[in-house]
Amino acid sequence: MDLHAAKMIGAGIACIALVAAAVLTRVLVGWPRDIRWRGAALAGTGGFALFFVLWLPSGPLGSEWARRAGTPAALLGHSHTHAGSSGGQR
């Protein structure tokens, strides 16, 4: 993974953490009242976070994600399968 990808993953994680913190703050302020709605909000946020973490390795962080997502071949650059035919140039 190159430095730019690591920065983007870090930014994504930071955004997710900020949204989770905002949901928690919203839910915890005035906790005793509307406990059903607040519990549902916590469960929904937690469920989505779990789904997202489980999906990422096979989704955007998985190999060949751009190709599988339908990115035109002209935008993908050189494929790893053709690396040997480049005459050693990178």
PDB file of N, CA and C in Angstrom:
ATOM      1  N   MET A   1       0.851  -1.171   0.000  1.00  0.00           N
ATOM      2  CA  MET A   1       0.000   0.000   0.000  1.00  0.00           C
ATOM      3  C   MET A   1       0.898   1.236   0.000  1.00  0.00           C
ATOM      4  N   ASP A   2       0.621   2.165  -0.896  1.00  0.00           N
ATOM      5  CA  ASP A   2       1.439   3.367  -0.945  1.00  0.00           C
ATOM      6  C   ASP A   2       0.965   4.391   0.090  1.00  0.00           C
ATOM      7  N   LEU A   3       1.751   5.423   0.241  1.00  0.00           N
ATOM      8  CA  LEU A   3       1.483   6.433   1.265  1.00  0.00           C
ATOM      9  C   LEU A   3       0.151   7.144   1.031  1.00  0.00           C
ATOM     10  N   HIS A   4      -0.169   7.411  -0.234  1.00  0.00           N
ATOM     11  CA  HIS A   4      -1.411   8.125  -0.537  1.00  0.00           C
ATOM     12  C   HIS A   4      -2.626   7.275  -0.159  1.00  0.00           C
ATOM     13  N   ALA A   5      -2.562   5.976  -0.422  1.00  0.00           N
ATOM     14  CA  ALA A   5      -3.674   5.095  -0.052  1.00  0.00           C
ATOM     15  C   ALA A   5      -3.809   5.038   1.467  1.00  0.00           C
ATOM     16  N   ALA A   6      -2.691   4.987   2.165  1.00  0.00           N
ATOM     17  CA  ALA A   6      -2.725   4.947   3.628  1.00  0.00           C
ATOM     18  C   ALA A   6      -3.355   6.225   4.183  1.00  0.00           C
ATOM     19  N   LYS A   7      -3.035   7.364   3.574  1.00  0.00           N
ATOM     20  CA  LYS A   7      -3.630   8.630   4.013  1.00  0.00           C
ATOM     21  C   LYS A   7      -5.140   8.632   3.791  1.00  0.00           C
ATOM     22  N   MET A   8      -5.589   8.094   2.672  1.00  0.00           N
ATOM     23  CA  MET A   8      -7.023   8.072   2.378  1.00  0.00           C
ATOM     24  C   MET A   8      -7.756   7.117   3.317  1.00  0.00           C
ATOM     25  N   ILE A   9      -7.154   5.986   3.603  1.00  0.00           N
ATOM     26  CA  ILE A   9      -7.768   5.053   4.551  1.00  0.00           C
ATOM     27  C   ILE A   9      -7.842   5.701   5.931  1.00  0.00           C
ATOM     28  N   GLY A  10      -6.777   6.390   6.320  1.00  0.00           N
ATOM     29  CA  GLY A  10      -6.778   7.100   7.598  1.00  0.00           C
ATOM     30  C   GLY A  10      -7.846   8.172   7.656  1.00  0.00           C
ATOM     31  N   ALA A  11      -8.021   8.909   6.566  1.00  0.00           N
ATOM     32  CA  ALA A  11      -9.058   9.942   6.520  1.00  0.00           C
ATOM     33  C   ALA A  11     -10.443   9.316   6.609  1.00  0.00           C
ATOM     34  N   GLY A  12     -10.635   8.202   5.946  1.00  0.00           N
ATOM     35  CA  GLY A  12     -11.916   7.503   6.013  1.00  0.00           C
ATOM     36  C   GLY A  12     -12.227   7.009   7.415  1.00  0.00           C
ATOM     37  N   ILE A  13     -11.218   6.449   8.068  1.00  0.00           N
ATOM     38  CA  ILE A  13     -11.394   5.971   9.442  1.00  0.00           C
ATOM     39  C   ILE A  13     -11.708   7.144  10.370  1.00  0.00           C
ATOM     40  N   ALA A  14     -11.023   8.260  10.163  1.00  0.00           N
ATOM     41  CA  ALA A  14     -11.288   9.445  10.986  1.00  0.00           C
ATOM     42  C   ALA A  14     -12.725   9.937  10.793  1.00  0.00           C
ATOM     43  N   CYS A  15     -13.214   9.935   9.560  1.00  0.00           N
ATOM     44  CA  CYS A  15     -14.594  10.361   9.295  1.00  0.00           C
ATOM     45  C   CYS A  15     -15.589   9.426   9.961  1.00  0.00           C
ATOM     46  N   ILE A  16     -15.345   8.133   9.870  1.00  0.00           N
ATOM     47  CA  ILE A  16     -16.239   7.163  10.503  1.00  0.00           C
ATOM     48  C   ILE A  16     -16.247   7.359  12.017  1.00  0.00           C
ATOM     49  N   ALA A  17     -15.062   7.598  12.584  1.00  0.00           N
ATOM     50  CA  ALA A  17     -14.975   7.820  14.033  1.00  0.00           C
ATOM     51  C   ALA A  17     -15.731   9.080  14.439  1.00  0.00           C
ATOM     52  N   LEU A  18     -15.655  10.126  13.633  1.00  0.00           N
ATOM     53  CA  LEU A  18     -16.376  11.362  13.943  1.00  0.00           C
ATOM     54  C   LEU A  18     -17.896  11.169  13.871  1.00  0.00           C
ATOM     55  N   VAL A  19     -18.356  10.429  12.885  1.00  0.00           N
ATOM     56  CA  VAL A  19     -19.795  10.159  12.778  1.00  0.00           C
ATOM     57  C   VAL A  19     -20.254   9.318  13.966  1.00  0.00           C
ATOM     58  N   ALA A  20     -19.477   8.294  14.323  1.00  0.00           N
ATOM     59  CA  ALA A  20     -19.830   7.467  15.480  1.00  0.00           C
ATOM     60  C   ALA A  20     -19.862   8.303  16.755  1.00  0.00           C
ATOM     61  N   ALA A  21     -18.909   9.199  16.916  1.00  0.00           N
ATOM     62  CA  ALA A  21     -18.884  10.073  18.095  1.00  0.00           C
ATOM     63  C   ALA A  21     -20.101  10.997  18.109  1.00  0.00           C
ATOM     64  N   ALA A  22     -20.483  11.501  16.944  1.00  0.00           N
ATOM     65  CA  ALA A  22     -21.661  12.369  16.873  1.00  0.00           C
ATOM     66  C   ALA A  22     -22.933  11.597  17.233  1.00  0.00           C
ATOM     67  N   VAL A  23     -23.052  10.366  16.730  1.00  0.00           N
ATOM     68  CA  VAL A  23     -24.232   9.553  17.069  1.00  0.00           C
ATOM     69  C   VAL A  23     -24.252   9.261  18.557  1.00  0.00           C
ATOM     70  N   LEU A  24     -23.117   8.868  19.118  1.00  0.00           N
ATOM     71  CA  LEU A  24     -23.053   8.582  20.552  1.00  0.00           C
ATOM     72  C   LEU A  24     -23.401   9.810  21.386  1.00  0.00           C
ATOM     73  N   THR A  25     -22.877  10.957  21.005  1.00  0.00           N
ATOM     74  CA  THR A  25     -23.189  12.190  21.727  1.00  0.00           C
ATOM     75  C   THR A  25     -24.681  12.473  21.660  1.00  0.00           C
ATOM     76  N   ARG A  26     -25.246  12.340  20.482  1.00  0.00           N
ATOM     77  CA  ARG A  26     -26.679  12.604  20.298  1.00  0.00           C
ATOM     78  C   ARG A  26     -27.530  11.634  21.120  1.00  0.00           C
ATOM     79  N   VAL A  27     -27.111  10.377  21.168  1.00  0.00           N
ATOM     80  CA  VAL A  27     -27.874   9.359  21.891  1.00  0.00           C
ATOM     81  C   VAL A  27     -27.741   9.531  23.398  1.00  0.00           C
ATOM     82  N   LEU A  28     -26.544   9.856  23.860  1.00  0.00           N
ATOM     83  CA  LEU A  28     -26.301   9.898  25.298  1.00  0.00           C
ATOM     84  C   LEU A  28     -26.819  11.150  25.986  1.00  0.00           C
ATOM     85  N   VAL A  29     -26.991  12.238  25.250  1.00  0.00           N
ATOM     86  CA  VAL A  29     -27.526  13.463  25.847  1.00  0.00           C
ATOM     87  C   VAL A  29     -29.009  13.232  26.132  1.00  0.00           C
ATOM     88  N   GLY A  30     -29.374  13.288  27.394  1.00  0.00           N
ATOM     89  CA  GLY A  30     -30.762  13.032  27.781  1.00  0.00           C
ATOM     90  C   GLY A  30     -31.108  11.555  27.754  1.00  0.00           C
ATOM     91  N   TRP A  31     -30.149  10.702  28.092  1.00  0.00           N
ATOM     92  CA  TRP A  31     -30.273   9.247  27.955  1.00  0.00           C
ATOM     93  C   TRP A  31     -31.571   8.639  28.497  1.00  0.00           C
ATOM     94  N   PRO A  32     -32.031   8.922  29.656  1.00  0.00           N
ATOM     95  CA  PRO A  32     -33.173   8.132  30.157  1.00  0.00           C
ATOM     96  C   PRO A  32     -34.445   8.249  29.324  1.00  0.00           C
ATOM     97  N   ARG A  33     -34.693   9.377  28.716  1.00  0.00           N
ATOM     98  CA  ARG A  33     -35.945   9.504  27.963  1.00  0.00           C
ATOM     99  C   ARG A  33     -35.766   8.952  26.540  1.00  0.00           C
ATOM    100  N   ASP A  34     -36.850   8.480  25.982  1.00  0.00           N
ATOM    101  CA  ASP A  34     -36.857   7.898  24.629  1.00  0.00           C
ATOM    102  C   ASP A  34     -35.819   6.791  24.477  1.00  0.00           C
ATOM    103  N   ILE A  35     -35.742   5.928  25.465  1.00  0.00           N
ATOM    104  CA  ILE A  35     -34.692   4.909  25.472  1.00  0.00           C
ATOM    105  C   ILE A  35     -34.824   3.938  24.297  1.00  0.00           C
ATOM    106  N   ARG A  36     -36.044   3.671  23.837  1.00  0.00           N
ATOM    107  CA  ARG A  36     -36.208   2.770  22.687  1.00  0.00           C
ATOM    108  C   ARG A  36     -35.579   3.346  21.429  1.00  0.00           C
ATOM    109  N   TRP A  37     -35.854   4.626  21.179  1.00  0.00           N
ATOM    110  CA  TRP A  37     -35.291   5.267  19.989  1.00  0.00           C
ATOM    111  C   TRP A  37     -33.775   5.368  20.092  1.00  0.00           C
ATOM    112  N   ARG A  38     -33.303   5.682  21.257  1.00  0.00           N
ATOM    113  CA  ARG A  38     -31.859   5.812  21.449  1.00  0.00           C
ATOM    114  C   ARG A  38     -31.175   4.452  21.319  1.00  0.00           C
ATOM    115  N   GLY A  39     -31.782   3.419  21.859  1.00  0.00           N
ATOM    116  CA  GLY A  39     -31.246   2.069  21.714  1.00  0.00           C
ATOM    117  C   GLY A  39     -31.241   1.616  20.260  1.00  0.00           C
ATOM    118  N   ALA A  40     -32.305   1.956  19.528  1.00  0.00           N
ATOM    119  CA  ALA A  40     -32.374   1.616  18.109  1.00  0.00           C
ATOM    120  C   ALA A  40     -31.286   2.344  17.316  1.00  0.00           C
ATOM    121  N   ALA A  41     -31.041   3.599  17.677  1.00  0.00           N
ATOM    122  CA  ALA A  41     -29.980   4.353  17.000  1.00  0.00           C
ATOM    123  C   ALA A  41     -28.619   3.731  17.258  1.00  0.00           C
ATOM    124  N   LEU A  42     -28.367   3.336  18.490  1.00  0.00           N
ATOM    125  CA  LEU A  42     -27.093   2.687  18.812  1.00  0.00           C
ATOM    126  C   LEU A  42     -26.957   1.351  18.093  1.00  0.00           C
ATOM    127  N   ALA A  43     -28.017   0.563  18.097  1.00  0.00           N
ATOM    128  CA  ALA A  43     -27.975  -0.747  17.430  1.00  0.00           C
ATOM    129  C   ALA A  43     -27.779  -0.586  15.921  1.00  0.00           C
ATOM    130  N   GLY A  44     -28.470   0.371  15.326  1.00  0.00           N
ATOM    131  CA  GLY A  44     -28.312   0.605  13.893  1.00  0.00           C
ATOM    132  C   GLY A  44     -26.914   1.060  13.521  1.00  0.00           C
ATOM    133  N   THR A  45     -26.366   1.967  14.313  1.00  0.00           N
ATOM    134  CA  THR A  45     -25.013   2.450  14.057  1.00  0.00           C
ATOM    135  C   THR A  45     -23.995   1.331  14.231  1.00  0.00           C
ATOM    136  N   GLY A  46     -24.149   0.552  15.290  1.00  0.00           N
ATOM    137  CA  GLY A  46     -23.235  -0.565  15.519  1.00  0.00           C
ATOM    138  C   GLY A  46     -23.348  -1.624  14.447  1.00  0.00           C
ATOM    139  N   GLY A  47     -24.573  -1.935  14.028  1.00  0.00           N
ATOM    140  CA  GLY A  47     -24.777  -2.919  12.961  1.00  0.00           C
ATOM    141  C   GLY A  47     -24.168  -2.474  11.648  1.00  0.00           C
ATOM    142  N   PHE A  48     -24.364  -1.205  11.310  1.00  0.00           N
ATOM    143  CA  PHE A  48     -23.772  -0.697  10.070  1.00  0.00           C
ATOM    144  C   PHE A  48     -22.255  -0.709  10.137  1.00  0.00           C
ATOM    145  N   ALA A  49     -21.694  -0.318  11.273  1.00  0.00           N
ATOM    146  CA  ALA A  49     -20.240  -0.318  11.419  1.00  0.00           C
ATOM    147  C   ALA A  49     -19.683  -1.730  11.260  1.00  0.00           C
ATOM    148  N   LEU A  50     -20.343  -2.720  11.848  1.00  0.00           N
ATOM    149  CA  LEU A  50     -19.899  -4.105  11.716  1.00  0.00           C
ATOM    150  C   LEU A  50     -19.983  -4.566  10.268  1.00  0.00           C
ATOM    151  N   PHE A  51     -21.091  -4.280   9.597  1.00  0.00           N
ATOM    152  CA  PHE A  51     -21.227  -4.618   8.177  1.00  0.00           C
ATOM    153  C   PHE A  51     -20.114  -3.984   7.356  1.00  0.00           C
ATOM    154  N   PHE A  52     -19.848  -2.716   7.604  1.00  0.00           N
ATOM    155  CA  PHE A  52     -18.846  -1.971   6.844  1.00  0.00           C
ATOM    156  C   PHE A  52     -17.454  -2.577   7.015  1.00  0.00           C
ATOM    157  N   VAL A  53     -17.096  -2.912   8.247  1.00  0.00           N
ATOM    158  CA  VAL A  53     -15.784  -3.493   8.526  1.00  0.00           C
ATOM    159  C   VAL A  53     -15.656  -4.860   7.861  1.00  0.00           C
ATOM    160  N   LEU A  54     -16.718  -5.638   7.852  1.00  0.00           N
ATOM    161  CA  LEU A  54     -16.669  -6.952   7.215  1.00  0.00           C
ATOM    162  C   LEU A  54     -16.674  -6.867   5.691  1.00  0.00           C
ATOM    163  N   TRP A  55     -17.272  -5.829   5.138  1.00  0.00           N
ATOM    164  CA  TRP A  55     -17.382  -5.673   3.691  1.00  0.00           C
ATOM    165  C   TRP A  55     -16.116  -5.087   3.055  1.00  0.00           C
ATOM    166  N   LEU A  56     -15.435  -4.215   3.756  1.00  0.00           N
ATOM    167  CA  LEU A  56     -14.288  -3.513   3.174  1.00  0.00           C
ATOM    168  C   LEU A  56     -13.234  -4.421   2.519  1.00  0.00           C
ATOM    169  N   PRO A  57     -12.814  -5.517   3.148  1.00  0.00           N
ATOM    170  CA  PRO A  57     -11.781  -6.342   2.508  1.00  0.00           C
ATOM    171  C   PRO A  57     -12.200  -6.933   1.166  1.00  0.00           C
ATOM    172  N   SER A  58     -13.462  -7.225   0.977  1.00  0.00           N
ATOM    173  CA  SER A  58     -13.899  -7.753  -0.309  1.00  0.00           C
ATOM    174  C   SER A  58     -14.401  -6.648  -1.229  1.00  0.00           C
ATOM    175  N   GLY A  59     -14.560  -5.455  -0.685  1.00  0.00           N
ATOM    176  CA  GLY A  59     -15.030  -4.312  -1.460  1.00  0.00           C
ATOM    177  C   GLY A  59     -13.881  -3.438  -1.911  1.00  0.00           C
ATOM    178  N   PRO A  60     -13.888  -2.163  -1.551  1.00  0.00           N
ATOM    179  CA  PRO A  60     -12.891  -1.216  -2.031  1.00  0.00           C
ATOM    180  C   PRO A  60     -11.452  -1.546  -1.658  1.00  0.00           C
ATOM    181  N   LEU A  61     -11.232  -2.268  -0.576  1.00  0.00           N
ATOM    182  CA  LEU A  61      -9.859  -2.617  -0.208  1.00  0.00           C
ATOM    183  C   LEU A  61      -9.419  -3.937  -0.827  1.00  0.00           C
ATOM    184  N   GLY A  62     -10.315  -4.624  -1.520  1.00  0.00           N
ATOM    185  CA  GLY A  62      -9.994  -5.886  -2.163  1.00  0.00           C
ATOM    186  C   GLY A  62      -9.265  -5.683  -3.477  1.00  0.00           C
ATOM    187  N   SER A  63      -8.668  -6.757  -3.957  1.00  0.00           N
ATOM    188  CA  SER A  63      -7.928  -6.662  -5.218  1.00  0.00           C
ATOM    189  C   SER A  63      -8.896  -6.511  -6.388  1.00  0.00           C
ATOM    190  N   GLU A  64      -8.466  -5.772  -7.376  1.00  0.00           N
ATOM    191  CA  GLU A  64      -9.229  -5.560  -8.611  1.00  0.00           C
ATOM    192  C   GLU A  64     -10.583  -4.893  -8.386  1.00  0.00           C
ATOM    193  N   TRP A  65     -10.701  -4.111  -7.304  1.00  0.00           N
ATOM    194  CA  TRP A  65     -11.974  -3.458  -7.005  1.00  0.00           C
ATOM    195  C   TRP A  65     -12.421  -2.514  -8.124  1.00  0.00           C
ATOM    196  N   ALA A  66     -11.512  -1.730  -8.643  1.00  0.00           N
ATOM    197  CA  ALA A  66     -11.893  -0.768  -9.680  1.00  0.00           C
ATOM    198  C   ALA A  66     -12.417  -1.487 -10.919  1.00  0.00           C
ATOM    199  N   ARG A  67     -11.763  -2.562 -11.311  1.00  0.00           N
ATOM    200  CA  ARG A  67     -12.213  -3.325 -12.479  1.00  0.00           C
ATOM    201  C   ARG A  67     -13.588  -3.938 -12.213  1.00  0.00           C
ATOM    202  N   ARG A  68     -13.769  -4.547 -11.044  1.00  0.00           N
ATOM    203  CA  ARG A  68     -15.045  -5.171 -10.708  1.00  0.00           C
ATOM    204  C   ARG A  68     -16.161  -4.138 -10.580  1.00  0.00           C
ATOM    205  N   ALA A  69     -15.821  -2.912 -10.216  1.00  0.00           N
ATOM    206  CA  ALA A  69     -16.818  -1.859 -10.057  1.00  0.00           C
ATOM    207  C   ALA A  69     -17.214  -1.245 -11.393  1.00  0.00           C
ATOM    208  N   GLY A  70     -16.526  -1.624 -12.477  1.00  0.00           N
ATOM    209  CA  GLY A  70     -16.904  -1.150 -13.798  1.00  0.00           C
ATOM    210  C   GLY A  70     -16.099   0.020 -14.322  1.00  0.00           C
ATOM    211  N   THR A  71     -14.948   0.302 -13.729  1.00  0.00           N
ATOM    212  CA  THR A  71     -14.103   1.381 -14.229  1.00  0.00           C
ATOM    213  C   THR A  71     -13.625   1.025 -15.632  1.00  0.00           C
ATOM    214  N   PRO A  72     -13.733   1.939 -16.603  1.00  0.00           N
ATOM    215  CA  PRO A  72     -13.279   1.645 -17.963  1.00  0.00           C
ATOM    216  C   PRO A  72     -11.801   1.247 -17.985  1.00  0.00           C
ATOM    217  N   ALA A  73     -11.459   0.297 -18.848  1.00  0.00           N
ATOM    218  CA  ALA A  73     -10.098  -0.228 -18.932  1.00  0.00           C
ATOM    219  C   ALA A  73      -9.081   0.879 -19.222  1.00  0.00           C
ATOM    220  N   ALA A  74      -9.476   1.892 -19.981  1.00  0.00           N
ATOM    221  CA  ALA A  74      -8.551   2.979 -20.314  1.00  0.00           C
ATOM    222  C   ALA A  74      -8.121   3.759 -19.070  1.00  0.00           C
ATOM    223  N   LEU A  75      -8.935   3.763 -18.034  1.00  0.00           N
ATOM    224  CA  LEU A  75      -8.610   4.499 -16.815  1.00  0.00           C
ATOM    225  C   LEU A  75      -7.859   3.650 -15.790  1.00  0.00           C
ATOM    226  N   LEU A  76      -7.826   2.354 -16.004  1.00  0.00           N
ATOM    227  CA  LEU A  76      -7.219   1.467 -15.017  1.00  0.00           C
ATOM    228  C   LEU A  76      -5.699   1.434 -15.081  1.00  0.00           C
ATOM    229  N   GLY A  77      -5.109   1.824 -16.175  1.00  0.00           N
ATOM    230  CA  GLY A  77      -3.649   1.754 -16.285  1.00  0.00           C
ATOM    231  C   GLY A  77      -3.219   0.348 -16.603  1.00  0.00           C
ATOM    232  N   HIS A  78      -2.002   0.023 -16.246  1.00  0.00           N
ATOM    233  CA  HIS A  78      -1.449  -1.293 -16.559  1.00  0.00           C
ATOM    234  C   HIS A  78      -1.959  -2.325 -15.576  1.00  0.00           C
ATOM    235  N   SER A  79      -2.332  -3.458 -16.091  1.00  0.00           N
ATOM    236  CA  SER A  79      -2.814  -4.557 -15.261  1.00  0.00           C
ATOM    237  C   SER A  79      -1.631  -5.330 -14.709  1.00  0.00           C
ATOM    238  N   HIS A  80      -1.783  -5.901 -13.536  1.00  0.00           N
ATOM    239  CA  HIS A  80      -0.720  -6.708 -12.932  1.00  0.00           C
ATOM    240  C   HIS A  80      -0.457  -7.970 -13.721  1.00  0.00           C
ATOM    241  N   THR A  81      -1.441  -8.453 -14.467  1.00  0.00           N
ATOM    242  CA  THR A  81      -1.262  -9.684 -15.213  1.00  0.00           C
ATOM    243  C   THR A  81      -0.361  -9.484 -16.418  1.00  0.00           C
ATOM    244  N   HIS A  82      -0.184  -8.263 -16.885  1.00  0.00           N
ATOM    245  CA  HIS A  82       0.666  -7.978 -18.031  1.00  0.00           C
ATOM    246  C   HIS A  82       2.014  -7.392 -17.640  1.00  0.00           C
ATOM    247  N   ALA A  83       2.361  -7.446 -16.366  1.00  0.00           N
ATOM    248  CA  ALA A  83       3.609  -6.831 -15.902  1.00  0.00           C
ATOM    249  C   ALA A  83       4.828  -7.466 -16.528  1.00  0.00           C
ATOM    250  N   GLY A  84       4.769  -8.749 -16.818  1.00  0.00           N
ATOM    251  CA  GLY A  84       5.929  -9.432 -17.389  1.00  0.00           C
ATOM    252  C   GLY A  84       6.178  -9.057 -18.830  1.00  0.00           C
ATOM    253  N   SER A  85       5.204  -8.541 -19.550  1.00  0.00           N
ATOM    254  CA  SER A  85       5.356  -8.216 -20.962  1.00  0.00           C
ATOM    255  C   SER A  85       5.867  -6.801 -21.192  1.00  0.00           C
ATOM    256  N   SER A  86       6.177  -6.073 -20.136  1.00  0.00           N
ATOM    257  CA  SER A  86       6.604  -4.689 -20.300  1.00  0.00           C
ATOM    258  C   SER A  86       8.104  -4.564 -20.544  1.00  0.00           C
ATOM    259  N   GLY A  87       8.815  -5.691 -20.608  1.00  0.00           N
ATOM    260  CA  GLY A  87      10.236  -5.624 -20.881  1.00  0.00           C
ATOM    261  C   GLY A  87      11.027  -5.140 -19.693  1.00  0.00           C
ATOM    262  N   GLY A  88      10.498  -5.293 -18.489  1.00  0.00           N
ATOM    263  CA  GLY A  88      11.207  -4.891 -17.291  1.00  0.00           C
ATOM    264  C   GLY A  88      11.022  -3.441 -16.917  1.00  0.00           C
ATOM    265  N   GLN A  89      10.294  -2.666 -17.714  1.00  0.00           N
ATOM    266  CA  GLN A  89      10.056  -1.260 -17.383  1.00  0.00           C
ATOM    267  C   GLN A  89       8.916  -1.153 -16.392  1.00  0.00           C
ATOM    268  N   ARG A  90       9.015  -0.161 -15.537  1.00  0.00           N
ATOM    269  CA  ARG A  90       7.954   0.065 -14.566  1.00  0.00           C
ATOM    270  C   ARG A  90       7.468   1.463 -14.639  1.00  0.00           C
TER     271      ARG A  90
END
